[in-house]
Amino acid sequence: MIRFLQPWWLLAVLPVLALAAAYVWRQLHRRQYAMRFTNVDLLRTLAPKGLGWRRHVAATAFLLCLLVLATGLARPAIDTKEPLERATVMLAIDVSLSMQADDVAPNRLEAAQEAAKQFVGELPESYNLGLVSFAKSANVLVPPTKDRGAVTTAIDGLVLAEATATGEAVFTCLEAIRSVPADGAAGIPPARIVLLSDGYRTSGRSVEEAAAAAQAANVPVSTIAFGTDSGQVDIGGQLQRVPVDRMALSQLAETTQGYFYEAASVSELKQVYQDMGSSIGFRTEPREITQWYAGIALLLALCAGASSLLWSSRLI
């Protein structure tokens, strides 16, 4: 999608549109004036033969040239993905009791652990990686580090607990990210949060508050809604349904300019992590394409000049 780095320059299009309107009005006025001739045969002998629509080509090309030039003043740009040489990634995993549901074999937690370890192994070695688990509260199990073994060991040791503090997980990740020291002259590396959850928030600060904090810190949060709507867990001898809260996770990702994914099986979750690894390894940067507009304007100017010379023997 094309966007403009200095959109106020688009006002320069207005005079061009006014000039185009004046040209159309002029052509209509000339036609009405010509129809006043009573001697139609004389008019036919005086009017140029065989031009028709061709007499408008030069003017149309010239007006389009001006339109493209005026638009180019606004510095058009397209978004491009630039690979990150360094980054901090915080992985947050829900360990609430609903993660023992077996709608995803063998159960949600074990499936999440297996897929998360694959994700850890595929991240570039130059990235810092941290791990947060959350239930009633959120805890940093591994602060951002390049030691993949420490993260993998912590994933294997995840333990279920009551409640779901989704918002607190984001706040805890942000605190861990702030603890990462600057990398010399390169400064603090860009950060990303990857959050997996299967249920509704039942504890701690709201997801909306967390999204606002992540947005203010310029940290995208990519979310994974894991599980199915048919999931059930046995709590106190009673089966309770534990559907996935897709809406909150989707809004969290959208607000922070992250990505939202759904997964209902181990294979789907592994694919999500694989896709996510490809996306978080890049950042979006605007690439100015003003030179494209200049090239198009030049071609239109040449077209206007050539058609004018060809059909009226004049350059302008």
C-alpha atoms as a PDB file:
ATOM      1  CA  MET A   1       0.000   0.000   0.000  1.00  0.00           C
ATOM      2  CA  ILE A   2       1.258   3.458  -0.918  1.00  0.00           C
ATOM      3  CA  ARG A   3       1.366   6.102   1.809  1.00  0.00           C
ATOM      4  CA  PHE A   4       2.684   9.641   1.829  1.00  0.00           C
ATOM      5  CA  LEU A   5       5.426  10.909   4.119  1.00  0.00           C
ATOM      6  CA  GLN A   6       4.361  14.555   3.645  1.00  0.00           C
ATOM      7  CA  PRO A   7       0.634  14.268   2.844  1.00  0.00           C
ATOM      8  CA  TRP A   8      -0.053  18.007   3.089  1.00  0.00           C
ATOM      9  CA  TRP A   9       1.658  18.397  -0.298  1.00  0.00           C
ATOM     10  CA  LEU A  10      -1.333  16.599  -1.820  1.00  0.00           C
ATOM     11  CA  LEU A  11      -3.005  20.015  -1.780  1.00  0.00           C
ATOM     12  CA  ALA A  12      -0.872  20.735  -4.851  1.00  0.00           C
ATOM     13  CA  VAL A  13      -3.226  18.419  -6.736  1.00  0.00           C
ATOM     14  CA  LEU A  14      -6.069  20.954  -6.433  1.00  0.00           C
ATOM     15  CA  PRO A  15      -4.668  23.507  -8.949  1.00  0.00           C
ATOM     16  CA  VAL A  16      -4.079  20.672 -11.407  1.00  0.00           C
ATOM     17  CA  LEU A  17      -7.676  19.526 -11.057  1.00  0.00           C
ATOM     18  CA  ALA A  18      -8.819  23.125 -11.537  1.00  0.00           C
ATOM     19  CA  LEU A  19      -6.737  23.348 -14.716  1.00  0.00           C
ATOM     20  CA  ALA A  20      -8.254  20.093 -15.985  1.00  0.00           C
ATOM     21  CA  ALA A  21     -11.753  21.403 -15.275  1.00  0.00           C
ATOM     22  CA  ALA A  22     -10.921  24.630 -17.125  1.00  0.00           C
ATOM     23  CA  TYR A  23      -9.723  22.625 -20.130  1.00  0.00           C
ATOM     24  CA  VAL A  24     -12.936  20.594 -20.247  1.00  0.00           C
ATOM     25  CA  TRP A  25     -15.034  23.743 -19.901  1.00  0.00           C
ATOM     26  CA  ARG A  26     -13.048  25.392 -22.686  1.00  0.00           C
ATOM     27  CA  GLN A  27     -13.622  22.479 -25.036  1.00  0.00           C
ATOM     28  CA  LEU A  28     -17.354  22.486 -24.367  1.00  0.00           C
ATOM     29  CA  HIS A  29     -17.463  26.261 -24.856  1.00  0.00           C
ATOM     30  CA  ARG A  30     -15.658  26.006 -28.196  1.00  0.00           C
ATOM     31  CA  ARG A  31     -18.108  23.372 -29.404  1.00  0.00           C
ATOM     32  CA  GLN A  32     -21.083  25.542 -28.488  1.00  0.00           C
ATOM     33  CA  TYR A  33     -19.452  28.511 -30.246  1.00  0.00           C
ATOM     34  CA  ALA A  34     -18.803  26.469 -33.362  1.00  0.00           C
ATOM     35  CA  MET A  35     -22.444  25.393 -33.586  1.00  0.00           C
ATOM     36  CA  ARG A  36     -23.411  29.058 -34.100  1.00  0.00           C
ATOM     37  CA  PHE A  37     -22.143  28.873 -37.651  1.00  0.00           C
ATOM     38  CA  THR A  38     -25.088  28.667 -39.970  1.00  0.00           C
ATOM     39  CA  ASN A  39     -23.022  27.448 -42.914  1.00  0.00           C
ATOM     40  CA  VAL A  40     -22.134  23.928 -41.782  1.00  0.00           C
ATOM     41  CA  ASP A  41     -20.384  23.157 -45.059  1.00  0.00           C
ATOM     42  CA  LEU A  42     -18.052  26.120 -44.524  1.00  0.00           C
ATOM     43  CA  LEU A  43     -17.349  24.944 -40.969  1.00  0.00           C
ATOM     44  CA  ARG A  44     -16.366  21.508 -42.247  1.00  0.00           C
ATOM     45  CA  THR A  45     -13.897  23.009 -44.718  1.00  0.00           C
ATOM     46  CA  LEU A  46     -12.283  25.214 -42.063  1.00  0.00           C
ATOM     47  CA  ALA A  47     -12.044  22.595 -39.290  1.00  0.00           C
ATOM     48  CA  PRO A  48      -8.971  20.332 -39.231  1.00  0.00           C
ATOM     49  CA  LYS A  49      -9.626  16.921 -40.752  1.00  0.00           C
ATOM     50  CA  GLY A  50      -8.966  13.610 -39.090  1.00  0.00           C
ATOM     51  CA  LEU A  51      -7.879  14.828 -35.658  1.00  0.00           C
ATOM     52  CA  GLY A  52     -10.895  13.903 -33.525  1.00  0.00           C
ATOM     53  CA  TRP A  53      -9.832  12.530 -30.151  1.00  0.00           C
ATOM     54  CA  ARG A  54      -6.142  12.876 -31.023  1.00  0.00           C
ATOM     55  CA  ARG A  55      -6.183  16.623 -30.462  1.00  0.00           C
ATOM     56  CA  HIS A  56      -6.820  15.950 -26.765  1.00  0.00           C
ATOM     57  CA  VAL A  57      -3.933  13.497 -26.285  1.00  0.00           C
ATOM     58  CA  ALA A  58      -1.253  16.141 -25.714  1.00  0.00           C
ATOM     59  CA  ALA A  59      -3.363  18.089 -23.216  1.00  0.00           C
ATOM     60  CA  THR A  60      -4.419  14.939 -21.378  1.00  0.00           C
ATOM     61  CA  ALA A  61      -0.832  13.677 -21.115  1.00  0.00           C
ATOM     62  CA  PHE A  62       0.316  17.110 -19.934  1.00  0.00           C
ATOM     63  CA  LEU A  63      -2.367  17.264 -17.246  1.00  0.00           C
ATOM     64  CA  LEU A  64      -1.540  13.737 -16.087  1.00  0.00           C
ATOM     65  CA  CYS A  65       2.124  14.741 -15.941  1.00  0.00           C
ATOM     66  CA  LEU A  66       1.248  17.655 -13.657  1.00  0.00           C
ATOM     67  CA  LEU A  67      -0.964  15.402 -11.528  1.00  0.00           C
ATOM     68  CA  VAL A  68       1.819  12.848 -11.025  1.00  0.00           C
ATOM     69  CA  LEU A  69       4.347  15.581 -10.222  1.00  0.00           C
ATOM     70  CA  ALA A  70       1.987  17.182  -7.699  1.00  0.00           C
ATOM     71  CA  THR A  71       1.391  13.808  -6.037  1.00  0.00           C
ATOM     72  CA  GLY A  72       5.124  13.130  -5.972  1.00  0.00           C
ATOM     73  CA  LEU A  73       5.656  16.246  -3.858  1.00  0.00           C
ATOM     74  CA  ALA A  74       3.939  14.375  -1.007  1.00  0.00           C
ATOM     75  CA  ARG A  75       6.844  11.859  -1.000  1.00  0.00           C
ATOM     76  CA  PRO A  76       5.000   8.594  -1.722  1.00  0.00           C
ATOM     77  CA  ALA A  77       6.393   5.504  -0.020  1.00  0.00           C
ATOM     78  CA  ILE A  78       5.698   1.802   0.290  1.00  0.00           C
ATOM     79  CA  ASP A  79       6.264  -0.387   3.337  1.00  0.00           C
ATOM     80  CA  THR A  80       9.145  -2.834   3.024  1.00  0.00           C
ATOM     81  CA  LYS A  81      10.362  -5.514   5.419  1.00  0.00           C
ATOM     82  CA  GLU A  82      13.908  -5.070   6.663  1.00  0.00           C
ATOM     83  CA  PRO A  83      15.565  -8.015   8.458  1.00  0.00           C
ATOM     84  CA  LEU A  84      16.485  -7.476  12.092  1.00  0.00           C
ATOM     85  CA  GLU A  85      20.081  -8.301  12.942  1.00  0.00           C
ATOM     86  CA  ARG A  86      19.288  -8.175  16.656  1.00  0.00           C
ATOM     87  CA  ALA A  87      16.106  -8.178  18.725  1.00  0.00           C
ATOM     88  CA  THR A  88      14.613  -9.079  22.089  1.00  0.00           C
ATOM     89  CA  VAL A  89      11.739 -11.563  22.025  1.00  0.00           C
ATOM     90  CA  MET A  90       9.662 -12.304  25.122  1.00  0.00           C
ATOM     91  CA  LEU A  91       7.671 -15.530  24.987  1.00  0.00           C
ATOM     92  CA  ALA A  92       4.638 -15.549  27.334  1.00  0.00           C
ATOM     93  CA  ILE A  93       2.806 -18.840  27.902  1.00  0.00           C
ATOM     94  CA  ASP A  94      -0.521 -19.294  29.684  1.00  0.00           C
ATOM     95  CA  VAL A  95      -0.310 -21.940  32.446  1.00  0.00           C
ATOM     96  CA  SER A  96      -3.850 -21.568  33.804  1.00  0.00           C
ATOM     97  CA  LEU A  97      -5.799 -24.730  34.682  1.00  0.00           C
ATOM     98  CA  SER A  98      -7.659 -24.560  31.373  1.00  0.00           C
ATOM     99  CA  MET A  99      -4.392 -25.551  29.673  1.00  0.00           C
ATOM    100  CA  GLN A 100      -4.942 -29.136  30.900  1.00  0.00           C
ATOM    101  CA  ALA A 101      -7.877 -29.516  28.485  1.00  0.00           C
ATOM    102  CA  ASP A 102      -7.321 -32.453  26.150  1.00  0.00           C
ATOM    103  CA  ASP A 103      -9.129 -31.088  23.094  1.00  0.00           C
ATOM    104  CA  VAL A 104      -5.581 -30.730  21.752  1.00  0.00           C
ATOM    105  CA  ALA A 105      -3.669 -33.982  22.238  1.00  0.00           C
ATOM    106  CA  PRO A 106      -2.141 -34.862  24.614  1.00  0.00           C
ATOM    107  CA  ASN A 107      -3.322 -31.656  26.296  1.00  0.00           C
ATOM    108  CA  ARG A 108      -3.010 -27.954  25.614  1.00  0.00           C
ATOM    109  CA  LEU A 109      -0.013 -27.374  27.868  1.00  0.00           C
ATOM    110  CA  GLU A 110       2.114 -30.246  26.575  1.00  0.00           C
ATOM    111  CA  ALA A 111       1.291 -29.302  22.988  1.00  0.00           C
ATOM    112  CA  ALA A 112       2.238 -25.693  23.720  1.00  0.00           C
ATOM    113  CA  GLN A 113       5.507 -26.800  25.303  1.00  0.00           C
ATOM    114  CA  GLU A 114       6.451 -28.920  22.303  1.00  0.00           C
ATOM    115  CA  ALA A 115       5.711 -26.157  19.797  1.00  0.00           C
ATOM    116  CA  ALA A 116       7.370 -23.462  21.919  1.00  0.00           C
ATOM    117  CA  LYS A 117      10.628 -25.433  22.057  1.00  0.00           C
ATOM    118  CA  GLN A 118      10.600 -25.682  18.284  1.00  0.00           C
ATOM    119  CA  PHE A 119      10.105 -21.907  18.101  1.00  0.00           C
ATOM    120  CA  VAL A 120      13.051 -21.363  20.446  1.00  0.00           C
ATOM    121  CA  GLY A 121      15.282 -23.516  18.285  1.00  0.00           C
ATOM    122  CA  GLU A 122      14.412 -21.626  15.107  1.00  0.00           C
ATOM    123  CA  LEU A 123      15.034 -18.087  16.383  1.00  0.00           C
ATOM    124  CA  PRO A 124      18.294 -16.463  15.228  1.00  0.00           C
ATOM    125  CA  GLU A 125      21.099 -16.938  17.745  1.00  0.00           C
ATOM    126  CA  SER A 126      21.727 -13.184  17.819  1.00  0.00           C
ATOM    127  CA  TYR A 127      18.292 -12.551  19.392  1.00  0.00           C
ATOM    128  CA  ASN A 128      17.741 -12.217  23.127  1.00  0.00           C
ATOM    129  CA  LEU A 129      14.934 -14.517  24.246  1.00  0.00           C
ATOM    130  CA  GLY A 130      13.050 -14.456  27.537  1.00  0.00           C
ATOM    131  CA  LEU A 131      10.228 -16.547  29.000  1.00  0.00           C
ATOM    132  CA  VAL A 132       7.213 -15.493  31.088  1.00  0.00           C
ATOM    133  CA  SER A 133       4.536 -17.807  32.444  1.00  0.00           C
ATOM    134  CA  PHE A 134       1.216 -16.489  33.674  1.00  0.00           C
ATOM    135  CA  ALA A 135      -1.779 -17.736  35.628  1.00  0.00           C
ATOM    136  CA  LYS A 136      -3.074 -15.671  38.585  1.00  0.00           C
ATOM    137  CA  SER A 137       0.085 -13.591  38.211  1.00  0.00           C
ATOM    138  CA  ALA A 138       2.916 -13.378  35.706  1.00  0.00           C
ATOM    139  CA  ASN A 139       6.481 -14.451  36.422  1.00  0.00           C
ATOM    140  CA  VAL A 140       9.731 -14.048  34.526  1.00  0.00           C
ATOM    141  CA  LEU A 141      11.149 -17.566  34.352  1.00  0.00           C
ATOM    142  CA  VAL A 142      14.072 -16.594  32.135  1.00  0.00           C
ATOM    143  CA  PRO A 143      15.138 -12.967  31.584  1.00  0.00           C
ATOM    144  CA  PRO A 144      16.191 -12.033  28.037  1.00  0.00           C
ATOM    145  CA  THR A 145      19.233 -14.120  27.150  1.00  0.00           C
ATOM    146  CA  LYS A 146      20.986 -15.820  24.254  1.00  0.00           C
ATOM    147  CA  ASP A 147      21.115 -19.062  26.264  1.00  0.00           C
ATOM    148  CA  ARG A 148      18.532 -21.187  24.438  1.00  0.00           C
ATOM    149  CA  GLY A 149      19.107 -24.121  26.788  1.00  0.00           C
ATOM    150  CA  ALA A 150      17.887 -22.117  29.780  1.00  0.00           C
ATOM    151  CA  VAL A 151      14.683 -21.192  27.968  1.00  0.00           C
ATOM    152  CA  THR A 152      14.044 -24.763  26.800  1.00  0.00           C
ATOM    153  CA  THR A 153      14.565 -26.124  30.318  1.00  0.00           C
ATOM    154  CA  ALA A 154      12.145 -23.546  31.750  1.00  0.00           C
ATOM    155  CA  ILE A 155       9.526 -24.472  29.141  1.00  0.00           C
ATOM    156  CA  ASP A 156       9.783 -28.131  30.166  1.00  0.00           C
ATOM    157  CA  GLY A 157       9.239 -27.099  33.789  1.00  0.00           C
ATOM    158  CA  LEU A 158       5.998 -25.137  33.320  1.00  0.00           C
ATOM    159  CA  VAL A 159       3.427 -25.893  36.044  1.00  0.00           C
ATOM    160  CA  LEU A 160      -0.321 -25.243  35.951  1.00  0.00           C
ATOM    161  CA  ALA A 161      -1.987 -22.805  38.357  1.00  0.00           C
ATOM    162  CA  GLU A 162      -5.320 -21.058  38.864  1.00  0.00           C
ATOM    163  CA  ALA A 163      -6.651 -17.974  37.014  1.00  0.00           C
ATOM    164  CA  THR A 164      -5.451 -16.117  33.910  1.00  0.00           C
ATOM    165  CA  ALA A 165      -3.677 -12.751  34.122  1.00  0.00           C
ATOM    166  CA  THR A 166      -3.232 -11.970  30.439  1.00  0.00           C
ATOM    167  CA  GLY A 167      -2.714  -8.259  30.972  1.00  0.00           C
ATOM    168  CA  GLU A 168      -0.123  -8.849  33.694  1.00  0.00           C
ATOM    169  CA  ALA A 169       1.807 -11.085  31.305  1.00  0.00           C
ATOM    170  CA  VAL A 170       2.244  -8.187  28.886  1.00  0.00           C
ATOM    171  CA  PHE A 171       3.280  -5.776  31.656  1.00  0.00           C
ATOM    172  CA  THR A 172       5.812  -8.299  32.974  1.00  0.00           C
ATOM    173  CA  CYS A 173       7.251  -8.797  29.492  1.00  0.00           C
ATOM    174  CA  LEU A 174       7.620  -5.038  29.084  1.00  0.00           C
ATOM    175  CA  GLU A 175       9.502  -4.813  32.394  1.00  0.00           C
ATOM    176  CA  ALA A 176      11.862  -7.576  31.279  1.00  0.00           C
ATOM    177  CA  ILE A 177      12.434  -5.828  27.956  1.00  0.00           C
ATOM    178  CA  ARG A 178      13.346  -2.592  29.741  1.00  0.00           C
ATOM    179  CA  SER A 179      16.048  -4.464  31.639  1.00  0.00           C
ATOM    180  CA  VAL A 180      17.959  -5.270  28.441  1.00  0.00           C
ATOM    181  CA  PRO A 181      21.055  -3.032  28.273  1.00  0.00           C
ATOM    182  CA  ALA A 182      21.937  -0.989  25.217  1.00  0.00           C
ATOM    183  CA  ASP A 183      24.158  -2.760  22.712  1.00  0.00           C
ATOM    184  CA  GLY A 184      26.940  -0.194  22.470  1.00  0.00           C
ATOM    185  CA  ALA A 185      26.490   2.434  19.788  1.00  0.00           C
ATOM    186  CA  ALA A 186      23.666   0.379  18.256  1.00  0.00           C
ATOM    187  CA  GLY A 187      21.458   1.213  21.241  1.00  0.00           C
ATOM    188  CA  ILE A 188      18.628  -0.888  22.664  1.00  0.00           C
ATOM    189  CA  PRO A 189      17.513  -3.656  20.277  1.00  0.00           C
ATOM    190  CA  PRO A 190      13.906  -3.659  19.039  1.00  0.00           C
ATOM    191  CA  ALA A 191      11.563  -5.887  21.031  1.00  0.00           C
ATOM    192  CA  ARG A 192       8.645  -8.201  20.346  1.00  0.00           C
ATOM    193  CA  ILE A 193       6.249 -10.120  22.592  1.00  0.00           C
ATOM    194  CA  VAL A 194       4.764 -13.484  21.613  1.00  0.00           C
ATOM    195  CA  LEU A 195       1.839 -14.445  23.856  1.00  0.00           C
ATOM    196  CA  LEU A 196      -0.011 -17.769  23.851  1.00  0.00           C
ATOM    197  CA  SER A 197      -3.268 -18.140  25.761  1.00  0.00           C
ATOM    198  CA  ASP A 198      -6.363 -20.298  25.662  1.00  0.00           C
ATOM    199  CA  GLY A 199      -8.866 -18.521  27.866  1.00  0.00           C
ATOM    200  CA  TYR A 200     -10.409 -15.363  29.197  1.00  0.00           C
ATOM    201  CA  ARG A 201      -8.599 -12.996  31.567  1.00  0.00           C
ATOM    202  CA  THR A 202      -9.743 -13.554  35.144  1.00  0.00           C
ATOM    203  CA  SER A 203      -7.068 -11.738  37.142  1.00  0.00           C
ATOM    204  CA  GLY A 204      -4.869  -8.650  37.121  1.00  0.00           C
ATOM    205  CA  ARG A 205      -4.950  -5.589  34.928  1.00  0.00           C
ATOM    206  CA  SER A 206      -7.061  -5.593  31.784  1.00  0.00           C
ATOM    207  CA  VAL A 207      -5.876  -6.565  28.330  1.00  0.00           C
ATOM    208  CA  GLU A 208      -6.805  -3.066  27.134  1.00  0.00           C
ATOM    209  CA  GLU A 209      -4.444  -1.465  29.671  1.00  0.00           C
ATOM    210  CA  ALA A 210      -1.693  -3.849  28.638  1.00  0.00           C
ATOM    211  CA  ALA A 211      -2.248  -3.105  24.958  1.00  0.00           C
ATOM    212  CA  ALA A 212      -1.998   0.633  25.613  1.00  0.00           C
ATOM    213  CA  ALA A 213       1.253   0.154  27.542  1.00  0.00           C
ATOM    214  CA  ALA A 214       2.790  -1.990  24.800  1.00  0.00           C
ATOM    215  CA  GLN A 215       1.698   0.482  22.159  1.00  0.00           C
ATOM    216  CA  ALA A 216       3.278   3.355  24.103  1.00  0.00           C
ATOM    217  CA  ALA A 217       6.508   1.358  24.398  1.00  0.00           C
ATOM    218  CA  ASN A 218       6.419   0.593  20.660  1.00  0.00           C
ATOM    219  CA  VAL A 219       6.512  -3.145  21.342  1.00  0.00           C
ATOM    220  CA  PRO A 220       4.279  -5.252  19.052  1.00  0.00           C
ATOM    221  CA  VAL A 221       2.461  -8.123  20.757  1.00  0.00           C
ATOM    222  CA  SER A 222       1.720 -11.119  18.557  1.00  0.00           C
ATOM    223  CA  THR A 223      -0.906 -13.411  20.061  1.00  0.00           C
ATOM    224  CA  ILE A 224      -1.909 -17.034  19.614  1.00  0.00           C
ATOM    225  CA  ALA A 225      -5.402 -18.226  20.528  1.00  0.00           C
ATOM    226  CA  PHE A 226      -4.783 -21.893  21.302  1.00  0.00           C
ATOM    227  CA  GLY A 227      -7.434 -24.587  21.677  1.00  0.00           C
ATOM    228  CA  THR A 228     -10.995 -25.224  20.547  1.00  0.00           C
ATOM    229  CA  ASP A 229     -14.407 -24.110  21.754  1.00  0.00           C
ATOM    230  CA  SER A 230     -15.167 -27.690  22.820  1.00  0.00           C
ATOM    231  CA  GLY A 231     -12.369 -27.845  25.389  1.00  0.00           C
ATOM    232  CA  GLN A 232     -13.299 -29.005  28.899  1.00  0.00           C
ATOM    233  CA  VAL A 233     -11.434 -29.454  32.184  1.00  0.00           C
ATOM    234  CA  ASP A 234     -12.288 -31.324  35.370  1.00  0.00           C
ATOM    235  CA  ILE A 235     -12.244 -28.852  38.259  1.00  0.00           C
ATOM    236  CA  GLY A 236     -13.439 -30.169  41.605  1.00  0.00           C
ATOM    237  CA  GLY A 237     -15.108 -33.162  39.985  1.00  0.00           C
ATOM    238  CA  GLN A 238     -17.101 -31.032  37.569  1.00  0.00           C
ATOM    239  CA  LEU A 239     -16.477 -30.581  33.865  1.00  0.00           C
ATOM    240  CA  GLN A 240     -16.198 -26.942  32.863  1.00  0.00           C
ATOM    241  CA  ARG A 241     -16.032 -25.612  29.319  1.00  0.00           C
ATOM    242  CA  VAL A 242     -12.930 -23.552  28.541  1.00  0.00           C
ATOM    243  CA  PRO A 243     -13.473 -21.835  25.172  1.00  0.00           C
ATOM    244  CA  VAL A 244     -10.807 -19.644  23.610  1.00  0.00           C
ATOM    245  CA  ASP A 245     -11.016 -15.842  23.974  1.00  0.00           C
ATOM    246  CA  ARG A 246     -10.206 -14.882  20.382  1.00  0.00           C
ATOM    247  CA  MET A 247     -11.639 -11.376  20.579  1.00  0.00           C
ATOM    248  CA  ALA A 248      -9.363 -10.041  23.333  1.00  0.00           C
ATOM    249  CA  LEU A 249      -6.240 -11.612  21.838  1.00  0.00           C
ATOM    250  CA  SER A 250      -7.080 -10.285  18.398  1.00  0.00           C
ATOM    251  CA  GLN A 251      -7.603  -6.756  19.728  1.00  0.00           C
ATOM    252  CA  LEU A 252      -4.344  -6.935  21.691  1.00  0.00           C
ATOM    253  CA  ALA A 253      -2.417  -7.806  18.537  1.00  0.00           C
ATOM    254  CA  GLU A 254      -4.208  -5.226  16.421  1.00  0.00           C
ATOM    255  CA  THR A 255      -3.691  -2.382  18.910  1.00  0.00           C
ATOM    256  CA  THR A 256       0.034  -3.052  19.181  1.00  0.00           C
ATOM    257  CA  GLN A 257       0.543  -3.760  15.454  1.00  0.00           C
ATOM    258  CA  GLY A 258       1.387  -7.378  16.116  1.00  0.00           C
ATOM    259  CA  TYR A 259      -0.041 -10.495  14.468  1.00  0.00           C
ATOM    260  CA  PHE A 260      -2.980 -12.622  15.594  1.00  0.00           C
ATOM    261  CA  TYR A 261      -3.049 -16.378  15.027  1.00  0.00           C
ATOM    262  CA  GLU A 262      -5.346 -19.268  15.869  1.00  0.00           C
ATOM    263  CA  ALA A 263      -4.286 -22.867  16.422  1.00  0.00           C
ATOM    264  CA  ALA A 264      -6.422 -25.868  17.299  1.00  0.00           C
ATOM    265  CA  SER A 265      -3.806 -28.631  17.068  1.00  0.00           C
ATOM    266  CA  VAL A 266      -0.112 -29.258  17.638  1.00  0.00           C
ATOM    267  CA  SER A 267       0.637 -29.148  13.915  1.00  0.00           C
ATOM    268  CA  GLU A 268      -1.228 -25.857  13.520  1.00  0.00           C
ATOM    269  CA  LEU A 269       0.588 -24.373  16.496  1.00  0.00           C
ATOM    270  CA  LYS A 270       3.967 -25.415  15.109  1.00  0.00           C
ATOM    271  CA  GLN A 271       3.074 -23.806  11.792  1.00  0.00           C
ATOM    272  CA  VAL A 272       1.982 -20.633  13.595  1.00  0.00           C
ATOM    273  CA  TYR A 273       5.297 -20.441  15.441  1.00  0.00           C
ATOM    274  CA  GLN A 274       7.133 -21.022  12.177  1.00  0.00           C
ATOM    275  CA  ASP A 275       5.213 -18.215  10.457  1.00  0.00           C
ATOM    276  CA  MET A 276       5.661 -15.988  13.480  1.00  0.00           C
ATOM    277  CA  GLY A 277       9.411 -16.581  13.505  1.00  0.00           C
ATOM    278  CA  SER A 278       9.536 -15.302   9.942  1.00  0.00           C
ATOM    279  CA  SER A 279       7.449 -12.214  10.702  1.00  0.00           C
ATOM    280  CA  ILE A 280       9.076 -11.045  13.940  1.00  0.00           C
ATOM    281  CA  GLY A 281      12.502 -11.223  12.336  1.00  0.00           C
ATOM    282  CA  PHE A 282      11.649  -8.180  10.279  1.00  0.00           C
ATOM    283  CA  ARG A 283      10.553  -4.626  10.866  1.00  0.00           C
ATOM    284  CA  THR A 284       8.508  -2.511   8.507  1.00  0.00           C
ATOM    285  CA  GLU A 285      10.280   0.514   7.083  1.00  0.00           C
ATOM    286  CA  PRO A 286       8.938   3.049   4.554  1.00  0.00           C
ATOM    287  CA  ARG A 287      10.811   3.142   1.238  1.00  0.00           C
ATOM    288  CA  GLU A 288      10.319   6.343  -0.704  1.00  0.00           C
ATOM    289  CA  ILE A 289       9.291   5.890  -4.343  1.00  0.00           C
ATOM    290  CA  THR A 290       9.283   9.531  -5.454  1.00  0.00           C
ATOM    291  CA  GLN A 291      11.678   8.592  -8.260  1.00  0.00           C
ATOM    292  CA  TRP A 292       8.995   6.325  -9.719  1.00  0.00           C
ATOM    293  CA  TYR A 293       6.630   9.259  -9.898  1.00  0.00           C
ATOM    294  CA  ALA A 294       9.324  11.411 -11.485  1.00  0.00           C
ATOM    295  CA  GLY A 295       9.902   8.733 -14.126  1.00  0.00           C
ATOM    296  CA  ILE A 296       6.186   8.429 -14.895  1.00  0.00           C
ATOM    297  CA  ALA A 297       5.888  12.221 -15.130  1.00  0.00           C
ATOM    298  CA  LEU A 298       8.822  12.321 -17.579  1.00  0.00           C
ATOM    299  CA  LEU A 299       7.200   9.680 -19.791  1.00  0.00           C
ATOM    300  CA  LEU A 300       3.921  11.602 -19.782  1.00  0.00           C
ATOM    301  CA  ALA A 301       5.743  14.832 -20.663  1.00  0.00           C
ATOM    302  CA  LEU A 302       7.471  13.091 -23.578  1.00  0.00           C
ATOM    303  CA  CYS A 303       4.119  11.677 -24.691  1.00  0.00           C
ATOM    304  CA  ALA A 304       2.555  15.147 -24.560  1.00  0.00           C
ATOM    305  CA  GLY A 305       5.387  16.692 -26.585  1.00  0.00           C
ATOM    306  CA  ALA A 306       5.513  13.895 -29.161  1.00  0.00           C
ATOM    307  CA  SER A 307       1.766  13.860 -29.763  1.00  0.00           C
ATOM    308  CA  SER A 308       1.713  17.644 -30.099  1.00  0.00           C
ATOM    309  CA  LEU A 309       4.516  17.572 -32.686  1.00  0.00           C
ATOM    310  CA  LEU A 310       2.926  14.673 -34.552  1.00  0.00           C
ATOM    311  CA  TRP A 311      -0.582  16.020 -34.886  1.00  0.00           C
ATOM    312  CA  SER A 312      -0.214  19.802 -34.686  1.00  0.00           C
ATOM    313  CA  SER A 313       3.420  20.361 -35.719  1.00  0.00           C
ATOM    314  CA  ARG A 314       3.957  22.289 -32.464  1.00  0.00           C
ATOM    315  CA  LEU A 315       5.794  21.345 -29.318  1.00  0.00           C
ATOM    316  CA  ILE A 316       3.239  23.091 -27.102  1.00  0.00           C
END
